[in-house]
């Protein structure tokens, strides 16, 4: 299993940790799809970070030397704006 920290600006998942089961041969696109299954955050807006680098969809976890127990970050590329009260 790969531990994934979902850190984003949406109220529902901000700072929550989820775990997804993946293999070292899986691509970042596959990881995004597994995050989608657990969070409903669309893959098109997920931005995956490992260390200080953004990961590309076609890269595998093995390519980036990501192993069991490592943490990656998923940050959506949009900001959820709360509804403002009528003034």
PDB file of N, CA and C in Angstrom:
ATOM      1  N   UNK A   1       0.834  -1.198   0.000  1.00  0.00           N
ATOM      2  CA  UNK A   1       0.000   0.000   0.000  1.00  0.00           C
ATOM      3  C   UNK A   1       0.865   1.242   0.000  1.00  0.00           C
ATOM      4  N   UNK A   2       0.383   2.249  -0.651  1.00  0.00           N
ATOM      5  CA  UNK A   2       1.043   3.540  -0.655  1.00  0.00           C
ATOM      6  C   UNK A   2       0.175   4.502   0.138  1.00  0.00           C
ATOM      7  N   UNK A   3       0.756   5.169   1.091  1.00  0.00           N
ATOM      8  CA  UNK A   3       0.019   6.135   1.899  1.00  0.00           C
ATOM      9  C   UNK A   3      -0.051   7.448   1.133  1.00  0.00           C
ATOM     10  N   UNK A   4      -1.241   7.983   0.998  1.00  0.00           N
ATOM     11  CA  UNK A   4      -1.437   9.228   0.268  1.00  0.00           C
ATOM     12  C   UNK A   4      -2.043  10.262   1.202  1.00  0.00           C
ATOM     13  N   UNK A   5      -1.399  11.396   1.318  1.00  0.00           N
ATOM     14  CA  UNK A   5      -1.963  12.498   2.078  1.00  0.00           C
ATOM     15  C   UNK A   5      -2.679  13.406   1.096  1.00  0.00           C
ATOM     16  N   UNK A   6      -3.975  13.599   1.319  1.00  0.00           N
ATOM     17  CA  UNK A   6      -4.745  14.504   0.474  1.00  0.00           C
ATOM     18  C   UNK A   6      -4.758  15.852   1.185  1.00  0.00           C
ATOM     19  N   UNK A   7      -4.010  16.781   0.655  1.00  0.00           N
ATOM     20  CA  UNK A   7      -3.938  18.115   1.244  1.00  0.00           C
ATOM     21  C   UNK A   7      -4.445  19.091   0.201  1.00  0.00           C
ATOM     22  N   UNK A   8      -5.559  19.681   0.464  1.00  0.00           N
ATOM     23  CA  UNK A   8      -6.118  20.584  -0.534  1.00  0.00           C
ATOM     24  C   UNK A   8      -6.936  21.680   0.109  1.00  0.00           C
ATOM     25  N   UNK A   9      -7.501  22.500  -0.745  1.00  0.00           N
ATOM     26  CA  UNK A   9      -8.246  23.660  -0.271  1.00  0.00           C
ATOM     27  C   UNK A   9      -9.741  23.408  -0.188  1.00  0.00           C
ATOM     28  N   UNK A  10     -10.176  22.181  -0.457  1.00  0.00           N
ATOM     29  CA  UNK A  10     -11.599  21.896  -0.323  1.00  0.00           C
ATOM     30  C   UNK A  10     -11.906  21.603   1.137  1.00  0.00           C
ATOM     31  N   UNK A  11     -13.004  22.065   1.612  1.00  0.00           N
ATOM     32  CA  UNK A  11     -13.335  21.902   3.031  1.00  0.00           C
ATOM     33  C   UNK A  11     -13.480  20.445   3.433  1.00  0.00           C
ATOM     34  N   UNK A  12     -14.019  19.627   2.546  1.00  0.00           N
ATOM     35  CA  UNK A  12     -14.329  18.250   2.910  1.00  0.00           C
ATOM     36  C   UNK A  12     -13.089  17.396   3.175  1.00  0.00           C
ATOM     37  N   UNK A  13     -12.005  17.599   2.409  1.00  0.00           N
ATOM     38  CA  UNK A  13     -10.846  16.715   2.520  1.00  0.00           C
ATOM     39  C   UNK A  13      -9.563  17.394   2.976  1.00  0.00           C
ATOM     40  N   UNK A  14      -9.625  18.641   3.373  1.00  0.00           N
ATOM     41  CA  UNK A  14      -8.416  19.364   3.748  1.00  0.00           C
ATOM     42  C   UNK A  14      -7.656  18.632   4.855  1.00  0.00           C
ATOM     43  N   UNK A  15      -6.426  18.250   4.543  1.00  0.00           N
ATOM     44  CA  UNK A  15      -5.555  17.630   5.521  1.00  0.00           C
ATOM     45  C   UNK A  15      -5.839  16.183   5.856  1.00  0.00           C
ATOM     46  N   UNK A  16      -6.866  15.585   5.276  1.00  0.00           N
ATOM     47  CA  UNK A  16      -7.172  14.186   5.568  1.00  0.00           C
ATOM     48  C   UNK A  16      -6.152  13.257   4.927  1.00  0.00           C
ATOM     49  N   UNK A  17      -5.905  12.139   5.574  1.00  0.00           N
ATOM     50  CA  UNK A  17      -5.016  11.117   5.040  1.00  0.00           C
ATOM     51  C   UNK A  17      -5.852   9.950   4.550  1.00  0.00           C
ATOM     52  N   UNK A  18      -5.561   9.497   3.344  1.00  0.00           N
ATOM     53  CA  UNK A  18      -6.207   8.296   2.829  1.00  0.00           C
ATOM     54  C   UNK A  18      -5.115   7.333   2.397  1.00  0.00           C
ATOM     55  N   UNK A  19      -5.449   6.062   2.330  1.00  0.00           N
ATOM     56  CA  UNK A  19      -4.504   5.072   1.837  1.00  0.00           C
ATOM     57  C   UNK A  19      -5.075   4.428   0.593  1.00  0.00           C
ATOM     58  N   UNK A  20      -4.226   4.263  -0.404  1.00  0.00           N
ATOM     59  CA  UNK A  20      -4.628   3.589  -1.628  1.00  0.00           C
ATOM     60  C   UNK A  20      -3.670   2.435  -1.877  1.00  0.00           C
ATOM     61  N   UNK A  21      -4.184   1.365  -2.449  1.00  0.00           N
ATOM     62  CA  UNK A  21      -3.366   0.209  -2.778  1.00  0.00           C
ATOM     63  C   UNK A  21      -2.923   0.327  -4.225  1.00  0.00           C
ATOM     64  N   UNK A  22      -1.619   0.416  -4.418  1.00  0.00           N
ATOM     65  CA  UNK A  22      -1.046   0.551  -5.755  1.00  0.00           C
ATOM     66  C   UNK A  22       0.212  -0.300  -5.843  1.00  0.00           C
ATOM     67  N   UNK A  23       0.696  -0.494  -7.060  1.00  0.00           N
ATOM     68  CA  UNK A  23       1.967  -1.197  -7.237  1.00  0.00           C
ATOM     69  C   UNK A  23       2.989  -0.216  -7.791  1.00  0.00           C
ATOM     70  N   UNK A  24       4.244  -0.587  -7.727  1.00  0.00           N
ATOM     71  CA  UNK A  24       5.305   0.298  -8.208  1.00  0.00           C
ATOM     72  C   UNK A  24       5.216   0.534  -9.712  1.00  0.00           C
ATOM     73  N   UNK A  25       4.498  -0.342 -10.423  1.00  0.00           N
ATOM     74  CA  UNK A  25       4.343  -0.192 -11.879  1.00  0.00           C
ATOM     75  C   UNK A  25       3.204   0.752 -12.248  1.00  0.00           C
ATOM     76  N   UNK A  26       2.386   1.129 -11.273  1.00  0.00           N
ATOM     77  CA  UNK A  26       1.258   2.020 -11.545  1.00  0.00           C
ATOM     78  C   UNK A  26       1.740   3.423 -11.913  1.00  0.00           C
ATOM     79  N   UNK A  27       1.005   4.040 -12.825  1.00  0.00           N
ATOM     80  CA  UNK A  27       1.322   5.416 -13.216  1.00  0.00           C
ATOM     81  C   UNK A  27       0.651   6.397 -12.261  1.00  0.00           C
ATOM     82  N   UNK A  28       1.073   7.637 -12.358  1.00  0.00           N
ATOM     83  CA  UNK A  28       0.450   8.692 -11.557  1.00  0.00           C
ATOM     84  C   UNK A  28      -1.024   8.831 -11.942  1.00  0.00           C
ATOM     85  N   UNK A  29      -1.348   8.606 -13.215  1.00  0.00           N
ATOM     86  CA  UNK A  29      -2.757   8.628 -13.643  1.00  0.00           C
ATOM     87  C   UNK A  29      -3.578   7.595 -12.886  1.00  0.00           C
ATOM     88  N   UNK A  30      -3.005   6.409 -12.679  1.00  0.00           N
ATOM     89  CA  UNK A  30      -3.689   5.351 -11.932  1.00  0.00           C
ATOM     90  C   UNK A  30      -3.887   5.766 -10.479  1.00  0.00           C
ATOM     91  N   UNK A  31      -2.859   6.372  -9.890  1.00  0.00           N
ATOM     92  CA  UNK A  31      -2.958   6.848  -8.506  1.00  0.00           C
ATOM     93  C   UNK A  31      -4.072   7.892  -8.397  1.00  0.00           C
ATOM     94  N   UNK A  32      -4.132   8.803  -9.355  1.00  0.00           N
ATOM     95  CA  UNK A  32      -5.188   9.823  -9.354  1.00  0.00           C
ATOM     96  C   UNK A  32      -6.570   9.183  -9.422  1.00  0.00           C
ATOM     97  N   UNK A  33      -6.711   8.140 -10.224  1.00  0.00           N
ATOM     98  CA  UNK A  33      -7.999   7.446 -10.342  1.00  0.00           C
ATOM     99  C   UNK A  33      -8.391   6.813  -9.012  1.00  0.00           C
ATOM    100  N   UNK A  34      -7.415   6.278  -8.288  1.00  0.00           N
ATOM    101  CA  UNK A  34      -7.706   5.666  -6.988  1.00  0.00           C
ATOM    102  C   UNK A  34      -8.062   6.725  -5.949  1.00  0.00           C
ATOM    103  N   UNK A  35      -7.434   7.887  -6.049  1.00  0.00           N
ATOM    104  CA  UNK A  35      -7.794   8.995  -5.160  1.00  0.00           C
ATOM    105  C   UNK A  35      -9.220   9.452  -5.475  1.00  0.00           C
ATOM    106  N   UNK A  36      -9.564   9.516  -6.757  1.00  0.00           N
ATOM    107  CA  UNK A  36     -10.925   9.874  -7.176  1.00  0.00           C
ATOM    108  C   UNK A  36     -11.951   8.935  -6.557  1.00  0.00           C
ATOM    109  N   UNK A  37     -11.673   7.626  -6.563  1.00  0.00           N
ATOM    110  CA  UNK A  37     -12.602   6.640  -5.997  1.00  0.00           C
ATOM    111  C   UNK A  37     -12.914   6.926  -4.535  1.00  0.00           C
ATOM    112  N   UNK A  38     -11.931   7.420  -3.794  1.00  0.00           N
ATOM    113  CA  UNK A  38     -12.115   7.637  -2.355  1.00  0.00           C
ATOM    114  C   UNK A  38     -12.562   9.047  -1.996  1.00  0.00           C
ATOM    115  N   UNK A  39     -12.337  10.015  -2.889  1.00  0.00           N
ATOM    116  CA  UNK A  39     -12.605  11.403  -2.522  1.00  0.00           C
ATOM    117  C   UNK A  39     -13.566  12.142  -3.444  1.00  0.00           C
ATOM    118  N   UNK A  40     -13.842  11.602  -4.618  1.00  0.00           N
ATOM    119  CA  UNK A  40     -14.652  12.285  -5.632  1.00  0.00           C
ATOM    120  C   UNK A  40     -13.981  13.540  -6.184  1.00  0.00           C
ATOM    121  N   UNK A  41     -12.667  13.688  -5.977  1.00  0.00           N
ATOM    122  CA  UNK A  41     -11.926  14.802  -6.562  1.00  0.00           C
ATOM    123  C   UNK A  41     -11.527  14.385  -7.976  1.00  0.00           C
ATOM    124  N   UNK A  42     -12.014  15.069  -9.014  1.00  0.00           N
ATOM    125  CA  UNK A  42     -11.725  14.664 -10.393  1.00  0.00           C
ATOM    126  C   UNK A  42     -10.226  14.597 -10.690  1.00  0.00           C
ATOM    127  N   UNK A  43      -9.831  13.601 -11.471  1.00  0.00           N
ATOM    128  CA  UNK A  43      -8.409  13.420 -11.798  1.00  0.00           C
ATOM    129  C   UNK A  43      -7.851  14.623 -12.553  1.00  0.00           C
ATOM    130  N   UNK A  44      -8.672  15.270 -13.349  1.00  0.00           N
ATOM    131  CA  UNK A  44      -8.204  16.399 -14.164  1.00  0.00           C
ATOM    132  C   UNK A  44      -7.717  17.578 -13.330  1.00  0.00           C
ATOM    133  N   UNK A  45      -8.182  17.685 -12.091  1.00  0.00           N
ATOM    134  CA  UNK A  45      -7.757  18.822 -11.268  1.00  0.00           C
ATOM    135  C   UNK A  45      -6.795  18.420 -10.154  1.00  0.00           C
ATOM    136  N   UNK A  46      -6.429  17.137 -10.078  1.00  0.00           N
ATOM    137  CA  UNK A  46      -5.475  16.699  -9.061  1.00  0.00           C
ATOM    138  C   UNK A  46      -4.053  17.043  -9.496  1.00  0.00           C
ATOM    139  N   UNK A  47      -3.292  17.573  -8.575  1.00  0.00           N
ATOM    140  CA  UNK A  47      -1.886  17.916  -8.790  1.00  0.00           C
ATOM    141  C   UNK A  47      -1.117  17.089  -7.761  1.00  0.00           C
ATOM    142  N   UNK A  48      -0.327  16.115  -8.215  1.00  0.00           N
ATOM    143  CA  UNK A  48       0.351  15.191  -7.302  1.00  0.00           C
ATOM    144  C   UNK A  48       1.795  15.635  -7.080  1.00  0.00           C
ATOM    145  N   UNK A  49       2.189  15.711  -5.807  1.00  0.00           N
ATOM    146  CA  UNK A  49       3.517  16.167  -5.412  1.00  0.00           C
ATOM    147  C   UNK A  49       4.207  15.076  -4.596  1.00  0.00           C
ATOM    148  N   UNK A  50       5.502  14.868  -4.856  1.00  0.00           N
ATOM    149  CA  UNK A  50       6.331  13.989  -4.026  1.00  0.00           C
ATOM    150  C   UNK A  50       7.598  14.764  -3.719  1.00  0.00           C
ATOM    151  N   UNK A  51       7.855  14.989  -2.427  1.00  0.00           N
ATOM    152  CA  UNK A  51       8.973  15.856  -2.052  1.00  0.00           C
ATOM    153  C   UNK A  51       8.628  17.275  -2.464  1.00  0.00           C
ATOM    154  N   UNK A  52       9.429  17.823  -3.370  1.00  0.00           N
ATOM    155  CA  UNK A  52       9.162  19.178  -3.860  1.00  0.00           C
ATOM    156  C   UNK A  52       8.830  19.182  -5.350  1.00  0.00           C
ATOM    157  N   UNK A  53       8.652  17.992  -5.927  1.00  0.00           N
ATOM    158  CA  UNK A  53       8.436  17.898  -7.368  1.00  0.00           C
ATOM    159  C   UNK A  53       7.018  17.472  -7.726  1.00  0.00           C
ATOM    160  N   UNK A  54       6.475  18.111  -8.759  1.00  0.00           N
ATOM    161  CA  UNK A  54       5.185  17.704  -9.315  1.00  0.00           C
ATOM    162  C   UNK A  54       5.408  16.475 -10.182  1.00  0.00           C
ATOM    163  N   UNK A  55       4.512  15.506 -10.081  1.00  0.00           N
ATOM    164  CA  UNK A  55       4.651  14.264 -10.835  1.00  0.00           C
ATOM    165  C   UNK A  55       3.796  14.310 -12.096  1.00  0.00           C
ATOM    166  N   UNK A  56       4.335  13.737 -13.168  1.00  0.00           N
ATOM    167  CA  UNK A  56       3.628  13.709 -14.450  1.00  0.00           C
ATOM    168  C   UNK A  56       2.783  12.452 -14.551  1.00  0.00           C
ATOM    169  N   UNK A  57       1.649  12.560 -15.234  1.00  0.00           N
ATOM    170  CA  UNK A  57       0.694  11.454 -15.350  1.00  0.00           C
ATOM    171  C   UNK A  57       1.307  10.170 -15.882  1.00  0.00           C
ATOM    172  N   UNK A  58       2.238  10.256 -16.815  1.00  0.00           N
ATOM    173  CA  UNK A  58       2.792   9.063 -17.449  1.00  0.00           C
ATOM    174  C   UNK A  58       3.901   8.394 -16.632  1.00  0.00           C
ATOM    175  N   UNK A  59       4.399   9.056 -15.593  1.00  0.00           N
ATOM    176  CA  UNK A  59       5.451   8.472 -14.761  1.00  0.00           C
ATOM    177  C   UNK A  59       4.887   7.360 -13.887  1.00  0.00           C
ATOM    178  N   UNK A  60       5.720   6.359 -13.599  1.00  0.00           N
ATOM    179  CA  UNK A  60       5.309   5.314 -12.659  1.00  0.00           C
ATOM    180  C   UNK A  60       5.867   5.645 -11.281  1.00  0.00           C
ATOM    181  N   UNK A  61       5.322   4.986 -10.277  1.00  0.00           N
ATOM    182  CA  UNK A  61       5.839   5.171  -8.923  1.00  0.00           C
ATOM    183  C   UNK A  61       7.290   4.705  -8.858  1.00  0.00           C
ATOM    184  N   UNK A  62       7.608   3.638  -9.586  1.00  0.00           N
ATOM    185  CA  UNK A  62       8.986   3.130  -9.631  1.00  0.00           C
ATOM    186  C   UNK A  62       9.931   4.171 -10.240  1.00  0.00           C
ATOM    187  N   UNK A  63       9.480   4.839 -11.310  1.00  0.00           N
ATOM    188  CA  UNK A  63      10.299   5.883 -11.953  1.00  0.00           C
ATOM    189  C   UNK A  63      10.729   6.943 -10.951  1.00  0.00           C
ATOM    190  N   UNK A  64       9.841   7.258 -10.021  1.00  0.00           N
ATOM    191  CA  UNK A  64      10.099   8.326  -9.042  1.00  0.00           C
ATOM    192  C   UNK A  64      10.613   7.793  -7.703  1.00  0.00           C
ATOM    193  N   UNK A  65      10.899   6.492  -7.651  1.00  0.00           N
ATOM    194  CA  UNK A  65      11.441   5.842  -6.443  1.00  0.00           C
ATOM    195  C   UNK A  65      10.505   5.980  -5.242  1.00  0.00           C
ATOM    196  N   UNK A  66       9.200   5.919  -5.505  1.00  0.00           N
ATOM    197  CA  UNK A  66       8.200   5.993  -4.442  1.00  0.00           C
ATOM    198  C   UNK A  66       7.905   4.573  -3.991  1.00  0.00           C
ATOM    199  N   UNK A  67       8.059   4.329  -2.683  1.00  0.00           N
ATOM    200  CA  UNK A  67       7.919   2.983  -2.136  1.00  0.00           C
ATOM    201  C   UNK A  67       6.816   2.918  -1.090  1.00  0.00           C
ATOM    202  N   UNK A  68       6.549   1.691  -0.653  1.00  0.00           N
ATOM    203  CA  UNK A  68       5.548   1.434   0.373  1.00  0.00           C
ATOM    204  C   UNK A  68       5.799   2.308   1.598  1.00  0.00           C
ATOM    205  N   UNK A  69       4.749   2.953   2.071  1.00  0.00           N
ATOM    206  CA  UNK A  69       4.852   3.778   3.265  1.00  0.00           C
ATOM    207  C   UNK A  69       5.220   5.228   2.996  1.00  0.00           C
ATOM    208  N   UNK A  70       5.621   5.550   1.764  1.00  0.00           N
ATOM    209  CA  UNK A  70       5.954   6.929   1.427  1.00  0.00           C
ATOM    210  C   UNK A  70       4.671   7.755   1.341  1.00  0.00           C
ATOM    211  N   UNK A  71       4.813   9.051   1.470  1.00  0.00           N
ATOM    212  CA  UNK A  71       3.667   9.949   1.403  1.00  0.00           C
ATOM    213  C   UNK A  71       3.774  10.831   0.170  1.00  0.00           C
ATOM    214  N   UNK A  72       2.682  10.910  -0.583  1.00  0.00           N
ATOM    215  CA  UNK A  72       2.591  11.871  -1.678  1.00  0.00           C
ATOM    216  C   UNK A  72       1.424  12.798  -1.359  1.00  0.00           C
ATOM    217  N   UNK A  73       1.396  13.940  -2.005  1.00  0.00           N
ATOM    218  CA  UNK A  73       0.367  14.937  -1.731  1.00  0.00           C
ATOM    219  C   UNK A  73      -0.480  15.185  -2.969  1.00  0.00           C
ATOM    220  N   UNK A  74      -1.777  15.278  -2.759  1.00  0.00           N
ATOM    221  CA  UNK A  74      -2.710  15.579  -3.839  1.00  0.00           C
ATOM    222  C   UNK A  74      -3.346  16.932  -3.546  1.00  0.00           C
ATOM    223  N   UNK A  75      -3.085  17.887  -4.417  1.00  0.00           N
ATOM    224  CA  UNK A  75      -3.632  19.219  -4.241  1.00  0.00           C
ATOM    225  C   UNK A  75      -4.445  19.600  -5.468  1.00  0.00           C
ATOM    226  N   UNK A  76      -5.752  19.726  -5.347  1.00  0.00           N
ATOM    227  CA  UNK A  76      -6.551  20.147  -6.495  1.00  0.00           C
ATOM    228  C   UNK A  76      -6.113  21.521  -6.999  1.00  0.00           C
ATOM    229  N   UNK A  77      -6.279  21.730  -8.293  1.00  0.00           N
ATOM    230  CA  UNK A  77      -5.830  22.978  -8.902  1.00  0.00           C
ATOM    231  C   UNK A  77      -6.913  24.054  -8.907  1.00  0.00           C
ATOM    232  N   UNK A  78      -7.891  23.919  -8.041  1.00  0.00           N
ATOM    233  CA  UNK A  78      -8.897  24.968  -7.916  1.00  0.00           C
ATOM    234  C   UNK A  78      -9.124  25.237  -6.442  1.00  0.00           C
ATOM    235  N   UNK A  79      -9.705  26.375  -6.158  1.00  0.00           N
ATOM    236  CA  UNK A  79     -10.021  26.756  -4.785  1.00  0.00           C
ATOM    237  C   UNK A  79     -11.535  26.779  -4.645  1.00  0.00           C
ATOM    238  N   UNK A  80     -12.031  26.111  -3.612  1.00  0.00           N
ATOM    239  CA  UNK A  80     -13.467  26.120  -3.340  1.00  0.00           C
ATOM    240  C   UNK A  80     -13.811  27.420  -2.623  1.00  0.00           C
ATOM    241  N   UNK A  81     -14.738  28.172  -3.176  1.00  0.00           N
ATOM    242  CA  UNK A  81     -15.129  29.447  -2.586  1.00  0.00           C
ATOM    243  C   UNK A  81     -16.429  29.244  -1.822  1.00  0.00           C
ATOM    244  N   UNK A  82     -16.413  29.543  -0.524  1.00  0.00           N
ATOM    245  CA  UNK A  82     -17.647  29.373   0.248  1.00  0.00           C
ATOM    246  C   UNK A  82     -18.697  30.387  -0.197  1.00  0.00           C
ATOM    247  N   UNK A  83     -19.952  30.004  -0.009  1.00  0.00           N
ATOM    248  CA  UNK A  83     -21.040  30.927  -0.351  1.00  0.00           C
ATOM    249  C   UNK A  83     -21.019  32.115   0.589  1.00  0.00           C
ATOM    250  N   UNK A  84     -21.177  33.273   0.025  1.00  0.00           N
ATOM    251  CA  UNK A  84     -21.213  34.480   0.844  1.00  0.00           C
ATOM    252  C   UNK A  84     -22.659  34.799   1.200  1.00  0.00           C
ATOM    253  N   UNK A  85     -22.871  35.248   2.412  1.00  0.00           N
ATOM    254  CA  UNK A  85     -24.250  35.599   2.788  1.00  0.00           C
ATOM    255  C   UNK A  85     -24.698  36.842   2.023  1.00  0.00           C
ATOM    256  N   UNK A  86     -25.997  36.938   1.814  1.00  0.00           N
ATOM    257  CA  UNK A  86     -26.543  38.147   1.181  1.00  0.00           C
ATOM    258  C   UNK A  86     -26.445  39.299   2.163  1.00  0.00           C
ATOM    259  N   UNK A  87     -25.909  40.386   1.693  1.00  0.00           N
ATOM    260  CA  UNK A  87     -25.762  41.556   2.572  1.00  0.00           C
ATOM    261  C   UNK A  87     -26.776  42.619   2.236  1.00  0.00           C
TER     262      UNK A  87
END
